[in-house]
Amino acid sequence: MKNKWRILKILVTVVLFGFLLSFSLKRFNNAKMENVSINMSQGKTPVYFVDEKDIKELVKQFNPTKKIGDVKIPELEQKINEIPFVDSANVYMNLNGNLNVDIRQRVPIFRLNKNGKDFYVDEKGVEFPISRNFSYPCMLVTGNVAASEYQSLGQLVEKIDTDDFSKKYFVGISKQKGDYNLLTSDGHYKVEIGDLDNIDFKVKGFKTFVEKYLVYQNPEKYKKISVKYNNQIVTTLNPYFKENDSILRNAPKIELKSEAASQKTEVKKPETKPEIKKEIKRSEPKKEVKKPESKQTESSKPKKVEKKPEVKKTVTKKKETTSKTSDKKKKAKVVVE
């Protein structure tokens, strides 16, 4: 009997407790929602992309009666997470009837201008649009950057922001023909880094170049400083800088002289050989011709005798003709040879 009375007591208490709980829940659900608290979690730098007024308007849409029981918390939470500026959202109700909305906003690492469109990219590599209400100060990146490079590019921007030297010099990043360039605050030159590998090593190389050489030069002197090659720094002069005029003018002249000299040496070698051969061939017939010329001079001596009779003159003429014919024959022989 005692056990039966105990079981009846337990059942009665459970029924009473359930009745009181259901009554209190009905009363709680029918009560008006007194307050809506919106908590925007801020990191190192405050971000104000999401406005509290917009969140409160969403709460009104999902609770038109303003009763606690009519609030559709799962649907409201999903709707807030769909906002492009929101990284994560959590919606819950207190026992006091207060609705709490905890929102974590996206923090952009850099601003990308791609194909004529501007948008932000956060540390997770997620794109989200620019807000009309708030503009976040961050690094500007231009060029056709692939989505797979967002995180590595974000790491580069973080290294620049945390380093005092890099933050002083670099104000932007551009991608041209597959190579990344760091834009400087002076605006006269850019630093070419190539790909996004070995960023620390490349920045250190530029730092040493600045400390040992660029500090003593006019920054307008250079157009580009390339550190993408291993253990090598390549500089490009600015053609619009007046002090570079003499260097740029003399540089092509030196190249032209070297080319002309190489051409001359190549032409001289084939010209000298045929000239030497021709002289040798001509010198041989000259020696043969000199011998008959000496004889002809001796035979031509009768030309001086003018007082001799006419008969002798005819003879002399015949001799002369014979000598001339002989000379012609001899000359003809020389030509044939």
C-alpha atoms as a PDB file:
ATOM      1  CA  MET A   1       0.000   0.000   0.000  1.00  0.00           C
ATOM      2  CA  LYS A   2       2.804   2.367   0.842  1.00  0.00           C
ATOM      3  CA  ASN A   3       4.348   1.888  -2.609  1.00  0.00           C
ATOM      4  CA  LYS A   4       1.064   2.669  -4.318  1.00  0.00           C
ATOM      5  CA  TRP A   5       0.704   5.946  -2.406  1.00  0.00           C
ATOM      6  CA  ARG A   6       4.231   6.930  -3.424  1.00  0.00           C
ATOM      7  CA  ILE A   7       3.529   6.255  -7.089  1.00  0.00           C
ATOM      8  CA  LEU A   8       0.319   8.331  -6.934  1.00  0.00           C
ATOM      9  CA  LYS A   9       2.170  11.230  -5.323  1.00  0.00           C
ATOM     10  CA  ILE A  10       4.833  11.199  -8.049  1.00  0.00           C
ATOM     11  CA  LEU A  11       2.230  11.150 -10.836  1.00  0.00           C
ATOM     12  CA  VAL A  12       0.274  14.008  -9.261  1.00  0.00           C
ATOM     13  CA  THR A  13       3.413  16.176  -8.918  1.00  0.00           C
ATOM     14  CA  VAL A  14       4.410  15.505 -12.547  1.00  0.00           C
ATOM     15  CA  VAL A  15       0.937  16.438 -13.810  1.00  0.00           C
ATOM     16  CA  LEU A  16       0.888  19.604 -11.741  1.00  0.00           C
ATOM     17  CA  PHE A  17       4.396  20.540 -12.899  1.00  0.00           C
ATOM     18  CA  GLY A  18       3.458  19.969 -16.561  1.00  0.00           C
ATOM     19  CA  PHE A  19       0.285  22.044 -16.164  1.00  0.00           C
ATOM     20  CA  LEU A  20       2.188  24.919 -14.568  1.00  0.00           C
ATOM     21  CA  LEU A  21       4.916  24.722 -17.256  1.00  0.00           C
ATOM     22  CA  SER A  22       2.461  24.813 -20.126  1.00  0.00           C
ATOM     23  CA  PHE A  23       0.624  27.694 -18.497  1.00  0.00           C
ATOM     24  CA  SER A  24       3.855  29.646 -18.049  1.00  0.00           C
ATOM     25  CA  LEU A  25       4.947  28.917 -21.658  1.00  0.00           C
ATOM     26  CA  LYS A  26       1.665  30.176 -23.021  1.00  0.00           C
ATOM     27  CA  ARG A  27       1.960  33.262 -20.928  1.00  0.00           C
ATOM     28  CA  PHE A  28       5.596  33.750 -22.027  1.00  0.00           C
ATOM     29  CA  ASN A  29       4.807  33.274 -25.738  1.00  0.00           C
ATOM     30  CA  ASN A  30       1.881  35.672 -25.601  1.00  0.00           C
ATOM     31  CA  ALA A  31       3.989  38.333 -23.930  1.00  0.00           C
ATOM     32  CA  LYS A  32       5.358  41.158 -26.002  1.00  0.00           C
ATOM     33  CA  MET A  33       8.986  41.217 -27.004  1.00  0.00           C
ATOM     34  CA  GLU A  34      10.355  44.055 -24.950  1.00  0.00           C
ATOM     35  CA  ASN A  35      13.806  44.583 -26.385  1.00  0.00           C
ATOM     36  CA  VAL A  36      16.083  43.588 -29.281  1.00  0.00           C
ATOM     37  CA  SER A  37      19.820  43.786 -28.592  1.00  0.00           C
ATOM     38  CA  ILE A  38      22.231  43.641 -31.523  1.00  0.00           C
ATOM     39  CA  ASN A  39      25.873  42.906 -30.767  1.00  0.00           C
ATOM     40  CA  MET A  40      28.456  43.635 -33.474  1.00  0.00           C
ATOM     41  CA  SER A  41      31.676  41.838 -32.635  1.00  0.00           C
ATOM     42  CA  GLN A  42      34.675  44.003 -33.540  1.00  0.00           C
ATOM     43  CA  GLY A  43      38.224  42.853 -34.143  1.00  0.00           C
ATOM     44  CA  LYS A  44      41.383  44.941 -34.130  1.00  0.00           C
ATOM     45  CA  THR A  45      39.854  47.489 -36.463  1.00  0.00           C
ATOM     46  CA  PRO A  46      36.151  48.441 -36.268  1.00  0.00           C
ATOM     47  CA  VAL A  47      33.941  47.686 -39.261  1.00  0.00           C
ATOM     48  CA  TYR A  48      30.555  49.285 -39.903  1.00  0.00           C
ATOM     49  CA  PHE A  49      29.226  47.618 -43.034  1.00  0.00           C
ATOM     50  CA  VAL A  50      26.045  46.380 -41.317  1.00  0.00           C
ATOM     51  CA  ASP A  51      23.647  48.945 -39.869  1.00  0.00           C
ATOM     52  CA  GLU A  52      21.599  48.135 -36.760  1.00  0.00           C
ATOM     53  CA  LYS A  53      18.512  49.687 -38.310  1.00  0.00           C
ATOM     54  CA  ASP A  54      18.591  47.154 -41.132  1.00  0.00           C
ATOM     55  CA  ILE A  55      18.755  44.264 -38.644  1.00  0.00           C
ATOM     56  CA  LYS A  56      15.827  45.621 -36.635  1.00  0.00           C
ATOM     57  CA  GLU A  57      13.749  45.894 -39.785  1.00  0.00           C
ATOM     58  CA  LEU A  58      14.460  42.217 -40.511  1.00  0.00           C
ATOM     59  CA  VAL A  59      13.321  41.325 -36.988  1.00  0.00           C
ATOM     60  CA  LYS A  60      10.041  43.173 -37.587  1.00  0.00           C
ATOM     61  CA  GLN A  61       9.504  41.253 -40.815  1.00  0.00           C
ATOM     62  CA  PHE A  62       9.851  37.914 -39.029  1.00  0.00           C
ATOM     63  CA  ASN A  63       7.755  39.047 -36.021  1.00  0.00           C
ATOM     64  CA  PRO A  64       4.887  41.280 -37.158  1.00  0.00           C
ATOM     65  CA  THR A  65       2.810  40.702 -33.966  1.00  0.00           C
ATOM     66  CA  LYS A  66       5.742  41.619 -31.690  1.00  0.00           C
ATOM     67  CA  LYS A  67       5.031  38.553 -29.542  1.00  0.00           C
ATOM     68  CA  ILE A  68       7.779  36.319 -28.249  1.00  0.00           C
ATOM     69  CA  GLY A  69       6.110  33.142 -29.460  1.00  0.00           C
ATOM     70  CA  ASP A  70       5.754  34.445 -33.024  1.00  0.00           C
ATOM     71  CA  VAL A  71       9.471  35.098 -33.609  1.00  0.00           C
ATOM     72  CA  LYS A  72      10.873  32.696 -36.224  1.00  0.00           C
ATOM     73  CA  ILE A  73      14.389  32.477 -34.883  1.00  0.00           C
ATOM     74  CA  PRO A  74      15.880  29.892 -37.356  1.00  0.00           C
ATOM     75  CA  GLU A  75      14.557  31.752 -40.399  1.00  0.00           C
ATOM     76  CA  LEU A  76      15.742  35.100 -39.043  1.00  0.00           C
ATOM     77  CA  GLU A  77      19.215  33.718 -38.373  1.00  0.00           C
ATOM     78  CA  GLN A  78      19.459  32.275 -41.893  1.00  0.00           C
ATOM     79  CA  LYS A  79      18.342  35.576 -43.419  1.00  0.00           C
ATOM     80  CA  ILE A  80      21.019  37.519 -41.526  1.00  0.00           C
ATOM     81  CA  ASN A  81      23.717  35.064 -42.606  1.00  0.00           C
ATOM     82  CA  GLU A  82      22.758  35.685 -46.224  1.00  0.00           C
ATOM     83  CA  ILE A  83      23.857  39.306 -45.950  1.00  0.00           C
ATOM     84  CA  PRO A  84      27.165  39.559 -47.893  1.00  0.00           C
ATOM     85  CA  PHE A  85      28.792  41.701 -45.189  1.00  0.00           C
ATOM     86  CA  VAL A  86      28.068  39.150 -42.415  1.00  0.00           C
ATOM     87  CA  ASP A  87      30.550  36.401 -41.668  1.00  0.00           C
ATOM     88  CA  SER A  88      28.407  34.638 -39.049  1.00  0.00           C
ATOM     89  CA  ALA A  89      25.244  35.352 -37.030  1.00  0.00           C
ATOM     90  CA  ASN A  90      23.651  33.842 -33.927  1.00  0.00           C
ATOM     91  CA  VAL A  91      20.043  34.641 -32.809  1.00  0.00           C
ATOM     92  CA  TYR A  92      18.605  33.526 -29.444  1.00  0.00           C
ATOM     93  CA  MET A  93      16.004  34.543 -26.823  1.00  0.00           C
ATOM     94  CA  ASN A  94      16.575  35.221 -23.111  1.00  0.00           C
ATOM     95  CA  LEU A  95      14.209  34.261 -20.301  1.00  0.00           C
ATOM     96  CA  ASN A  96      13.507  37.945 -19.812  1.00  0.00           C
ATOM     97  CA  GLY A  97      12.028  38.153 -23.301  1.00  0.00           C
ATOM     98  CA  ASN A  98      14.955  39.938 -24.918  1.00  0.00           C
ATOM     99  CA  LEU A  99      16.010  38.918 -28.427  1.00  0.00           C
ATOM    100  CA  ASN A 100      19.786  38.847 -28.881  1.00  0.00           C
ATOM    101  CA  VAL A 101      21.456  39.001 -32.287  1.00  0.00           C
ATOM    102  CA  ASP A 102      25.227  38.454 -32.357  1.00  0.00           C
ATOM    103  CA  ILE A 103      26.805  39.378 -35.697  1.00  0.00           C
ATOM    104  CA  ARG A 104      30.367  39.035 -36.844  1.00  0.00           C
ATOM    105  CA  GLN A 105      31.103  41.179 -39.897  1.00  0.00           C
ATOM    106  CA  ARG A 106      33.569  40.438 -42.667  1.00  0.00           C
ATOM    107  CA  VAL A 107      36.859  42.335 -42.446  1.00  0.00           C
ATOM    108  CA  PRO A 108      38.397  43.041 -45.863  1.00  0.00           C
ATOM    109  CA  ILE A 109      42.101  42.489 -46.385  1.00  0.00           C
ATOM    110  CA  PHE A 110      42.312  44.178 -49.757  1.00  0.00           C
ATOM    111  CA  ARG A 111      40.109  45.855 -52.319  1.00  0.00           C
ATOM    112  CA  LEU A 112      40.237  44.335 -55.804  1.00  0.00           C
ATOM    113  CA  ASN A 113      39.530  46.087 -59.093  1.00  0.00           C
ATOM    114  CA  LYS A 114      38.940  43.271 -61.583  1.00  0.00           C
ATOM    115  CA  ASN A 115      37.373  43.608 -65.039  1.00  0.00           C
ATOM    116  CA  GLY A 116      36.060  47.069 -64.193  1.00  0.00           C
ATOM    117  CA  LYS A 117      34.370  45.954 -60.940  1.00  0.00           C
ATOM    118  CA  ASP A 118      35.365  46.844 -57.363  1.00  0.00           C
ATOM    119  CA  PHE A 119      34.820  44.513 -54.414  1.00  0.00           C
ATOM    120  CA  TYR A 120      36.406  43.471 -51.131  1.00  0.00           C
ATOM    121  CA  VAL A 121      38.108  40.181 -50.231  1.00  0.00           C
ATOM    122  CA  ASP A 122      38.408  38.925 -46.646  1.00  0.00           C
ATOM    123  CA  GLU A 123      41.018  36.668 -45.048  1.00  0.00           C
ATOM    124  CA  LYS A 124      39.086  33.536 -46.107  1.00  0.00           C
ATOM    125  CA  GLY A 125      39.209  34.573 -49.770  1.00  0.00           C
ATOM    126  CA  VAL A 126      35.488  35.427 -49.928  1.00  0.00           C
ATOM    127  CA  GLU A 127      34.347  38.258 -52.198  1.00  0.00           C
ATOM    128  CA  PHE A 128      31.751  40.776 -50.996  1.00  0.00           C
ATOM    129  CA  PRO A 129      30.570  44.060 -52.490  1.00  0.00           C
ATOM    130  CA  ILE A 130      31.434  47.603 -51.540  1.00  0.00           C
ATOM    131  CA  SER A 131      29.099  49.321 -49.096  1.00  0.00           C
ATOM    132  CA  ARG A 132      27.538  52.724 -49.648  1.00  0.00           C
ATOM    133  CA  ASN A 133      27.515  53.437 -45.930  1.00  0.00           C
ATOM    134  CA  PHE A 134      31.112  52.625 -45.049  1.00  0.00           C
ATOM    135  CA  SER A 135      34.488  52.486 -46.815  1.00  0.00           C
ATOM    136  CA  TYR A 136      37.228  50.409 -45.230  1.00  0.00           C
ATOM    137  CA  PRO A 137      40.851  51.626 -45.691  1.00  0.00           C
ATOM    138  CA  CYS A 138      42.836  48.731 -47.159  1.00  0.00           C
ATOM    139  CA  MET A 139      45.319  47.842 -49.906  1.00  0.00           C
ATOM    140  CA  LEU A 140      44.127  48.362 -53.477  1.00  0.00           C
ATOM    141  CA  VAL A 141      44.856  45.515 -55.927  1.00  0.00           C
ATOM    142  CA  THR A 142      44.320  45.773 -59.689  1.00  0.00           C
ATOM    143  CA  GLY A 143      44.548  43.187 -62.448  1.00  0.00           C
ATOM    144  CA  ASN A 144      43.193  39.798 -63.415  1.00  0.00           C
ATOM    145  CA  VAL A 145      43.737  37.978 -60.108  1.00  0.00           C
ATOM    146  CA  ALA A 146      42.471  34.400 -59.891  1.00  0.00           C
ATOM    147  CA  ALA A 147      40.267  33.361 -56.978  1.00  0.00           C
ATOM    148  CA  SER A 148      42.805  30.678 -56.023  1.00  0.00           C
ATOM    149  CA  GLU A 149      45.362  33.442 -55.324  1.00  0.00           C
ATOM    150  CA  TYR A 150      43.205  35.419 -52.898  1.00  0.00           C
ATOM    151  CA  GLN A 151      44.520  33.817 -49.718  1.00  0.00           C
ATOM    152  CA  SER A 152      48.202  34.000 -50.701  1.00  0.00           C
ATOM    153  CA  LEU A 153      47.676  37.593 -51.813  1.00  0.00           C
ATOM    154  CA  GLY A 154      46.007  38.310 -48.491  1.00  0.00           C
ATOM    155  CA  GLN A 155      49.076  36.955 -46.685  1.00  0.00           C
ATOM    156  CA  LEU A 156      51.253  39.337 -48.698  1.00  0.00           C
ATOM    157  CA  VAL A 157      49.055  42.277 -47.714  1.00  0.00           C
ATOM    158  CA  GLU A 158      49.212  41.256 -44.046  1.00  0.00           C
ATOM    159  CA  LYS A 159      53.016  41.127 -44.169  1.00  0.00           C
ATOM    160  CA  ILE A 160      53.128  44.582 -45.700  1.00  0.00           C
ATOM    161  CA  ASP A 161      50.750  45.993 -43.060  1.00  0.00           C
ATOM    162  CA  THR A 162      52.698  44.493 -40.148  1.00  0.00           C
ATOM    163  CA  ASP A 163      56.141  45.602 -41.407  1.00  0.00           C
ATOM    164  CA  ASP A 164      56.943  49.283 -40.829  1.00  0.00           C
ATOM    165  CA  PHE A 165      59.373  49.467 -43.760  1.00  0.00           C
ATOM    166  CA  SER A 166      56.993  47.852 -46.252  1.00  0.00           C
ATOM    167  CA  LYS A 167      54.027  49.852 -45.001  1.00  0.00           C
ATOM    168  CA  LYS A 168      55.981  53.057 -45.587  1.00  0.00           C
ATOM    169  CA  TYR A 169      56.859  52.283 -49.221  1.00  0.00           C
ATOM    170  CA  PHE A 170      54.053  50.108 -50.657  1.00  0.00           C
ATOM    171  CA  VAL A 171      50.558  51.480 -51.156  1.00  0.00           C
ATOM    172  CA  GLY A 172      49.119  49.165 -53.816  1.00  0.00           C
ATOM    173  CA  ILE A 173      49.538  45.976 -55.853  1.00  0.00           C
ATOM    174  CA  SER A 174      49.005  45.434 -59.566  1.00  0.00           C
ATOM    175  CA  LYS A 175      49.149  42.316 -61.705  1.00  0.00           C
ATOM    176  CA  GLN A 176      50.385  42.696 -65.300  1.00  0.00           C
ATOM    177  CA  LYS A 177      51.112  39.821 -67.672  1.00  0.00           C
ATOM    178  CA  GLY A 178      51.177  37.296 -64.833  1.00  0.00           C
ATOM    179  CA  ASP A 179      53.659  39.253 -62.671  1.00  0.00           C
ATOM    180  CA  TYR A 180      52.806  41.130 -59.474  1.00  0.00           C
ATOM    181  CA  ASN A 181      54.106  44.660 -58.968  1.00  0.00           C
ATOM    182  CA  LEU A 182      54.208  46.621 -55.721  1.00  0.00           C
ATOM    183  CA  LEU A 183      53.237  50.269 -56.184  1.00  0.00           C
ATOM    184  CA  THR A 184      55.256  52.715 -54.110  1.00  0.00           C
ATOM    185  CA  SER A 185      54.156  55.829 -52.264  1.00  0.00           C
ATOM    186  CA  ASP A 186      56.445  58.017 -54.400  1.00  0.00           C
ATOM    187  CA  GLY A 187      54.652  56.890 -57.532  1.00  0.00           C
ATOM    188  CA  HIS A 188      57.751  57.218 -59.717  1.00  0.00           C
ATOM    189  CA  TYR A 189      58.693  53.538 -59.820  1.00  0.00           C
ATOM    190  CA  LYS A 190      57.222  50.105 -59.095  1.00  0.00           C
ATOM    191  CA  VAL A 191      58.774  46.990 -57.598  1.00  0.00           C
ATOM    192  CA  GLU A 192      58.349  43.828 -59.649  1.00  0.00           C
ATOM    193  CA  ILE A 193      58.126  40.676 -57.500  1.00  0.00           C
ATOM    194  CA  GLY A 194      56.887  38.157 -60.093  1.00  0.00           C
ATOM    195  CA  ASP A 195      54.893  35.410 -58.381  1.00  0.00           C
ATOM    196  CA  LEU A 196      53.774  35.222 -54.742  1.00  0.00           C
ATOM    197  CA  ASP A 197      56.513  32.809 -53.643  1.00  0.00           C
ATOM    198  CA  ASN A 198      59.415  33.780 -51.328  1.00  0.00           C
ATOM    199  CA  ILE A 199      57.828  37.110 -50.473  1.00  0.00           C
ATOM    200  CA  ASP A 200      59.982  37.656 -47.372  1.00  0.00           C
ATOM    201  CA  PHE A 201      63.190  37.126 -49.346  1.00  0.00           C
ATOM    202  CA  LYS A 202      62.104  39.512 -52.119  1.00  0.00           C
ATOM    203  CA  VAL A 203      61.073  42.252 -49.701  1.00  0.00           C
ATOM    204  CA  LYS A 204      64.400  41.933 -47.883  1.00  0.00           C
ATOM    205  CA  GLY A 205      66.224  42.284 -51.210  1.00  0.00           C
ATOM    206  CA  PHE A 206      64.403  45.508 -51.967  1.00  0.00           C
ATOM    207  CA  LYS A 207      65.068  46.748 -48.446  1.00  0.00           C
ATOM    208  CA  THR A 208      68.825  46.270 -48.815  1.00  0.00           C
ATOM    209  CA  PHE A 209      68.744  48.022 -52.209  1.00  0.00           C
ATOM    210  CA  VAL A 210      66.959  51.008 -50.656  1.00  0.00           C
ATOM    211  CA  GLU A 211      69.280  51.268 -47.660  1.00  0.00           C
ATOM    212  CA  LYS A 212      72.543  50.906 -49.596  1.00  0.00           C
ATOM    213  CA  TYR A 213      71.808  52.632 -52.878  1.00  0.00           C
ATOM    214  CA  LEU A 214      68.350  54.150 -53.428  1.00  0.00           C
ATOM    215  CA  VAL A 215      68.635  56.428 -50.384  1.00  0.00           C
ATOM    216  CA  TYR A 216      71.415  58.357 -52.143  1.00  0.00           C
ATOM    217  CA  GLN A 217      69.555  58.562 -55.493  1.00  0.00           C
ATOM    218  CA  ASN A 218      66.607  60.562 -56.759  1.00  0.00           C
ATOM    219  CA  PRO A 219      63.520  58.282 -56.755  1.00  0.00           C
ATOM    220  CA  GLU A 220      62.491  59.731 -60.122  1.00  0.00           C
ATOM    221  CA  LYS A 221      65.559  58.143 -61.712  1.00  0.00           C
ATOM    222  CA  TYR A 222      63.995  54.664 -61.940  1.00  0.00           C
ATOM    223  CA  LYS A 223      60.879  53.380 -63.610  1.00  0.00           C
ATOM    224  CA  LYS A 224      60.965  49.781 -62.341  1.00  0.00           C
ATOM    225  CA  ILE A 225      62.994  47.768 -59.826  1.00  0.00           C
ATOM    226  CA  SER A 226      62.731  44.012 -60.304  1.00  0.00           C
ATOM    227  CA  VAL A 227      63.459  41.561 -57.464  1.00  0.00           C
ATOM    228  CA  LYS A 228      61.746  38.518 -58.957  1.00  0.00           C
ATOM    229  CA  TYR A 229      65.064  36.890 -59.893  1.00  0.00           C
ATOM    230  CA  ASN A 230      67.063  34.961 -57.315  1.00  0.00           C
ATOM    231  CA  ASN A 231      69.936  36.963 -55.788  1.00  0.00           C
ATOM    232  CA  GLN A 232      69.617  39.657 -58.453  1.00  0.00           C
ATOM    233  CA  ILE A 233      68.112  43.149 -58.683  1.00  0.00           C
ATOM    234  CA  VAL A 234      67.382  44.617 -62.124  1.00  0.00           C
ATOM    235  CA  THR A 235      66.566  48.321 -62.505  1.00  0.00           C
ATOM    236  CA  THR A 236      64.914  50.163 -65.425  1.00  0.00           C
ATOM    237  CA  LEU A 237      65.686  53.856 -65.937  1.00  0.00           C
ATOM    238  CA  ASN A 238      62.968  56.465 -66.320  1.00  0.00           C
ATOM    239  CA  PRO A 239      63.179  57.955 -69.853  1.00  0.00           C
ATOM    240  CA  TYR A 240      61.428  61.159 -68.726  1.00  0.00           C
ATOM    241  CA  PHE A 241      64.058  61.970 -66.108  1.00  0.00           C
ATOM    242  CA  LYS A 242      66.510  64.608 -67.419  1.00  0.00           C
ATOM    243  CA  GLU A 243      69.616  63.167 -65.774  1.00  0.00           C
ATOM    244  CA  ASN A 244      69.043  59.877 -67.631  1.00  0.00           C
ATOM    245  CA  ASP A 245      69.197  61.517 -71.073  1.00  0.00           C
ATOM    246  CA  SER A 246      72.960  61.147 -71.433  1.00  0.00           C
ATOM    247  CA  ILE A 247      72.873  57.522 -70.290  1.00  0.00           C
ATOM    248  CA  LEU A 248      70.025  56.573 -72.584  1.00  0.00           C
ATOM    249  CA  ARG A 249      71.607  58.362 -75.560  1.00  0.00           C
ATOM    250  CA  ASN A 250      75.010  56.757 -75.149  1.00  0.00           C
ATOM    251  CA  ALA A 251      73.652  53.275 -74.587  1.00  0.00           C
ATOM    252  CA  PRO A 252      72.416  52.690 -78.181  1.00  0.00           C
ATOM    253  CA  LYS A 253      75.569  54.308 -79.698  1.00  0.00           C
ATOM    254  CA  ILE A 254      77.785  51.777 -77.998  1.00  0.00           C
ATOM    255  CA  GLU A 255      75.713  48.961 -79.374  1.00  0.00           C
ATOM    256  CA  LEU A 256      75.822  50.396 -82.919  1.00  0.00           C
ATOM    257  CA  LYS A 257      79.616  50.736 -82.858  1.00  0.00           C
ATOM    258  CA  SER A 258      80.061  47.200 -81.783  1.00  0.00           C
ATOM    259  CA  GLU A 259      77.762  45.978 -84.536  1.00  0.00           C
ATOM    260  CA  ALA A 260      79.544  48.064 -87.205  1.00  0.00           C
ATOM    261  CA  ALA A 261      82.929  46.836 -86.076  1.00  0.00           C
ATOM    262  CA  SER A 262      81.772  43.256 -86.277  1.00  0.00           C
ATOM    263  CA  GLN A 263      80.445  43.853 -89.779  1.00  0.00           C
ATOM    264  CA  LYS A 264      83.730  45.441 -90.935  1.00  0.00           C
ATOM    265  CA  THR A 265      85.825  42.583 -89.709  1.00  0.00           C
ATOM    266  CA  GLU A 266      83.576  40.144 -91.471  1.00  0.00           C
ATOM    267  CA  VAL A 267      83.793  42.060 -94.804  1.00  0.00           C
ATOM    268  CA  LYS A 268      87.584  42.566 -94.814  1.00  0.00           C
ATOM    269  CA  LYS A 269      88.451  38.887 -94.768  1.00  0.00           C
ATOM    270  CA  PRO A 270      86.803  37.903 -98.085  1.00  0.00           C
ATOM    271  CA  GLU A 271      88.008  41.122 -99.862  1.00  0.00           C
ATOM    272  CA  THR A 272      91.739  40.767 -99.206  1.00  0.00           C
ATOM    273  CA  LYS A 273      92.110  37.253-100.571  1.00  0.00           C
ATOM    274  CA  PRO A 274      90.972  37.888-104.185  1.00  0.00           C
ATOM    275  CA  GLU A 275      93.096  41.092-104.394  1.00  0.00           C
ATOM    276  CA  ILE A 276      96.285  39.228-103.576  1.00  0.00           C
ATOM    277  CA  LYS A 277      95.561  36.570-106.178  1.00  0.00           C
ATOM    278  CA  LYS A 278      94.984  39.160-108.921  1.00  0.00           C
ATOM    279  CA  GLU A 279      98.291  40.900-108.245  1.00  0.00           C
ATOM    280  CA  ILE A 280     100.176  37.666-108.518  1.00  0.00           C
ATOM    281  CA  LYS A 281      98.617  36.827-111.879  1.00  0.00           C
ATOM    282  CA  ARG A 282      99.326  40.264-113.317  1.00  0.00           C
ATOM    283  CA  SER A 283     102.905  40.394-112.130  1.00  0.00           C
ATOM    284  CA  GLU A 284     103.876  37.274-114.086  1.00  0.00           C
ATOM    285  CA  PRO A 285     102.951  38.580-117.603  1.00  0.00           C
ATOM    286  CA  LYS A 286     104.646  41.935-116.916  1.00  0.00           C
ATOM    287  CA  LYS A 287     108.015  40.208-116.594  1.00  0.00           C
ATOM    288  CA  GLU A 288     107.552  38.446-119.942  1.00  0.00           C
ATOM    289  CA  VAL A 289     106.500  41.656-121.712  1.00  0.00           C
ATOM    290  CA  LYS A 290     109.531  43.636-120.538  1.00  0.00           C
ATOM    291  CA  LYS A 291     111.970  41.469-122.494  1.00  0.00           C
ATOM    292  CA  PRO A 292     110.498  42.095-125.982  1.00  0.00           C
ATOM    293  CA  GLU A 293     110.024  45.782-125.169  1.00  0.00           C
ATOM    294  CA  SER A 294     113.759  46.188-124.648  1.00  0.00           C
ATOM    295  CA  LYS A 295     114.465  44.658-128.060  1.00  0.00           C
ATOM    296  CA  GLN A 296     111.891  46.828-129.697  1.00  0.00           C
ATOM    297  CA  THR A 297     113.532  49.965-128.392  1.00  0.00           C
ATOM    298  CA  GLU A 298     116.825  48.905-129.979  1.00  0.00           C
ATOM    299  CA  SER A 299     115.156  48.144-133.333  1.00  0.00           C
ATOM    300  CA  SER A 300     113.250  51.376-133.241  1.00  0.00           C
ATOM    301  CA  LYS A 301     116.518  53.391-133.301  1.00  0.00           C
ATOM    302  CA  PRO A 302     116.511  53.728-137.194  1.00  0.00           C
ATOM    303  CA  LYS A 303     113.593  56.117-136.774  1.00  0.00           C
ATOM    304  CA  LYS A 304     116.105  58.870-135.941  1.00  0.00           C
ATOM    305  CA  VAL A 305     117.833  58.560-139.421  1.00  0.00           C
ATOM    306  CA  GLU A 306     115.942  60.922-141.709  1.00  0.00           C
ATOM    307  CA  LYS A 307     118.591  61.791-144.412  1.00  0.00           C
ATOM    308  CA  LYS A 308     118.746  58.301-145.914  1.00  0.00           C
ATOM    309  CA  PRO A 309     117.275  57.697-149.369  1.00  0.00           C
ATOM    310  CA  GLU A 310     113.687  56.857-149.916  1.00  0.00           C
ATOM    311  CA  VAL A 311     114.419  53.238-150.732  1.00  0.00           C
ATOM    312  CA  LYS A 312     115.908  52.713-147.367  1.00  0.00           C
ATOM    313  CA  LYS A 313     112.945  54.401-145.864  1.00  0.00           C
ATOM    314  CA  THR A 314     110.704  51.889-147.472  1.00  0.00           C
ATOM    315  CA  VAL A 315     112.860  49.190-146.110  1.00  0.00           C
ATOM    316  CA  THR A 316     112.721  50.711-142.728  1.00  0.00           C
ATOM    317  CA  LYS A 317     109.015  50.953-143.075  1.00  0.00           C
ATOM    318  CA  LYS A 318     108.885  47.318-143.898  1.00  0.00           C
ATOM    319  CA  LYS A 319     111.035  46.594-140.929  1.00  0.00           C
ATOM    320  CA  GLU A 320     108.819  48.715-138.813  1.00  0.00           C
ATOM    321  CA  THR A 321     105.795  46.941-140.152  1.00  0.00           C
ATOM    322  CA  THR A 322     107.410  43.634-139.529  1.00  0.00           C
ATOM    323  CA  SER A 323     108.349  44.750-136.056  1.00  0.00           C
ATOM    324  CA  LYS A 324     104.847  46.005-135.466  1.00  0.00           C
ATOM    325  CA  THR A 325     103.364  42.758-136.698  1.00  0.00           C
ATOM    326  CA  SER A 326     105.764  40.861-134.560  1.00  0.00           C
ATOM    327  CA  ASP A 327     104.822  43.057-131.618  1.00  0.00           C
ATOM    328  CA  LYS A 328     101.152  42.455-132.281  1.00  0.00           C
ATOM    329  CA  LYS A 329     101.760  38.735-132.450  1.00  0.00           C
ATOM    330  CA  LYS A 330     103.712  38.838-129.288  1.00  0.00           C
ATOM    331  CA  LYS A 331     101.092  40.955-127.600  1.00  0.00           C
ATOM    332  CA  ALA A 332      98.403  38.615-128.774  1.00  0.00           C
ATOM    333  CA  LYS A 333     100.290  35.751-127.236  1.00  0.00           C
ATOM    334  CA  VAL A 334     100.431  37.551-123.930  1.00  0.00           C
ATOM    335  CA  VAL A 335      96.691  38.174-123.960  1.00  0.00           C
ATOM    336  CA  VAL A 336      95.990  34.541-124.664  1.00  0.00           C
ATOM    337  CA  GLU A 337      98.102  33.493-121.721  1.00  0.00           C
END
